[in-house]
Amino acid sequence: MPYYNLLVVRTGKVLSAAAGNREHALNLFGTELECKLTLEGQDSAPPYLLDEWTTSPHWINPNIPVFES
């Protein structure tokens, strides 16, 4: 199962979770942050960055931009 970290850019806070996929991770983080999160882009700078890990210590997709919708 992949592990995800969500960096809250404004505060530098990092949230962590194990989830089945990116959408599941965004739902978990969105619930904690009390907002809906999406991978669909906007023209502004992303307020969050998602990091995806496998069971090994190697990055899969570092710094995926995440937006509020």
C-alpha atoms as a PDB file:
ATOM      1  CA  MET A   1       0.000   0.000   0.000  1.00  0.00           C
ATOM      2  CA  PRO A   2       1.463   3.401  -0.925  1.00  0.00           C
ATOM      3  CA  TYR A   3       2.187   6.029   1.697  1.00  0.00           C
ATOM      4  CA  TYR A   4       1.429   9.694   1.134  1.00  0.00           C
ATOM      5  CA  ASN A   5       2.655  12.931   2.640  1.00  0.00           C
ATOM      6  CA  LEU A   6       0.796  16.181   2.065  1.00  0.00           C
ATOM      7  CA  LEU A   7       2.801  19.373   2.579  1.00  0.00           C
ATOM      8  CA  VAL A   8       0.632  22.346   3.524  1.00  0.00           C
ATOM      9  CA  VAL A   9       2.645  25.064   1.769  1.00  0.00           C
ATOM     10  CA  ARG A  10       1.318  27.988   3.823  1.00  0.00           C
ATOM     11  CA  THR A  11       2.264  26.572   7.205  1.00  0.00           C
ATOM     12  CA  GLY A  12       4.912  23.977   6.363  1.00  0.00           C
ATOM     13  CA  LYS A  13       2.806  21.327   8.161  1.00  0.00           C
ATOM     14  CA  VAL A  14       3.097  17.768   6.821  1.00  0.00           C
ATOM     15  CA  LEU A  15       0.251  15.235   7.008  1.00  0.00           C
ATOM     16  CA  SER A  16       0.937  11.515   6.452  1.00  0.00           C
ATOM     17  CA  ALA A  17      -1.306   8.560   5.604  1.00  0.00           C
ATOM     18  CA  ALA A  18      -1.308   5.120   4.037  1.00  0.00           C
ATOM     19  CA  ALA A  19      -3.962   4.862   1.336  1.00  0.00           C
ATOM     20  CA  GLY A  20      -4.930   2.594  -1.531  1.00  0.00           C
ATOM     21  CA  ASN A  21      -4.439   5.323  -4.154  1.00  0.00           C
ATOM     22  CA  ARG A  22      -4.037   9.075  -4.607  1.00  0.00           C
ATOM     23  CA  GLU A  23      -7.774   9.810  -4.563  1.00  0.00           C
ATOM     24  CA  HIS A  24      -8.196   7.932  -1.281  1.00  0.00           C
ATOM     25  CA  ALA A  25      -5.262   9.872   0.196  1.00  0.00           C
ATOM     26  CA  LEU A  26      -6.773  13.192  -0.940  1.00  0.00           C
ATOM     27  CA  ASN A  27     -10.082  12.237   0.707  1.00  0.00           C
ATOM     28  CA  LEU A  28      -8.287  11.439   3.976  1.00  0.00           C
ATOM     29  CA  PHE A  29      -6.275  14.675   3.926  1.00  0.00           C
ATOM     30  CA  GLY A  30      -9.294  16.734   2.835  1.00  0.00           C
ATOM     31  CA  THR A  31     -11.327  15.398   5.750  1.00  0.00           C
ATOM     32  CA  GLU A  32      -8.556  16.379   8.157  1.00  0.00           C
ATOM     33  CA  LEU A  33      -8.213  19.838   6.577  1.00  0.00           C
ATOM     34  CA  GLU A  34     -12.012  20.239   6.221  1.00  0.00           C
ATOM     35  CA  CYS A  35     -11.855  20.955   2.475  1.00  0.00           C
ATOM     36  CA  LYS A  36     -12.097  19.105  -0.838  1.00  0.00           C
ATOM     37  CA  LEU A  37      -8.755  18.446  -2.531  1.00  0.00           C
ATOM     38  CA  THR A  38      -8.139  17.700  -6.203  1.00  0.00           C
ATOM     39  CA  LEU A  39      -5.227  16.968  -8.517  1.00  0.00           C
ATOM     40  CA  GLU A  40      -6.818  19.106 -11.242  1.00  0.00           C
ATOM     41  CA  GLY A  41      -4.739  22.217 -11.842  1.00  0.00           C
ATOM     42  CA  GLN A  42      -5.469  25.879 -11.481  1.00  0.00           C
ATOM     43  CA  ASP A  43      -3.478  28.897 -12.639  1.00  0.00           C
ATOM     44  CA  SER A  44      -2.387  29.828  -9.129  1.00  0.00           C
ATOM     45  CA  ALA A  45       0.394  28.247  -7.086  1.00  0.00           C
ATOM     46  CA  PRO A  46      -0.690  25.003  -5.401  1.00  0.00           C
ATOM     47  CA  PRO A  47      -1.464  25.322  -1.659  1.00  0.00           C
ATOM     48  CA  TYR A  48      -0.460  21.675  -1.107  1.00  0.00           C
ATOM     49  CA  LEU A  49       2.130  19.242  -2.469  1.00  0.00           C
ATOM     50  CA  LEU A  50       1.550  15.481  -2.419  1.00  0.00           C
ATOM     51  CA  ASP A  51       4.408  12.989  -2.140  1.00  0.00           C
ATOM     52  CA  GLU A  52       3.772   9.319  -2.922  1.00  0.00           C
ATOM     53  CA  TRP A  53       5.960   6.541  -1.479  1.00  0.00           C
ATOM     54  CA  THR A  54       6.026   2.794  -1.976  1.00  0.00           C
ATOM     55  CA  THR A  55       7.261   0.382   0.685  1.00  0.00           C
ATOM     56  CA  SER A  56      10.825   1.183  -0.389  1.00  0.00           C
ATOM     57  CA  PRO A  57      12.507   4.496   0.489  1.00  0.00           C
ATOM     58  CA  HIS A  58      12.433   5.730  -3.126  1.00  0.00           C
ATOM     59  CA  TRP A  59      10.169   8.506  -4.387  1.00  0.00           C
ATOM     60  CA  ILE A  60       7.582   7.639  -7.020  1.00  0.00           C
ATOM     61  CA  ASN A  61       6.025  11.043  -7.781  1.00  0.00           C
ATOM     62  CA  PRO A  62       7.492  13.787  -5.617  1.00  0.00           C
ATOM     63  CA  ASN A  63       5.733  17.129  -5.359  1.00  0.00           C
ATOM     64  CA  ILE A  64       2.424  16.508  -7.145  1.00  0.00           C
ATOM     65  CA  PRO A  65       0.481  19.804  -6.960  1.00  0.00           C
ATOM     66  CA  VAL A  66      -2.838  19.594  -5.099  1.00  0.00           C
ATOM     67  CA  PHE A  67      -5.566  22.253  -5.140  1.00  0.00           C
ATOM     68  CA  GLU A  68      -8.687  23.093  -3.145  1.00  0.00           C
ATOM     69  CA  SER A  69     -11.962  22.958  -5.037  1.00  0.00           C
END
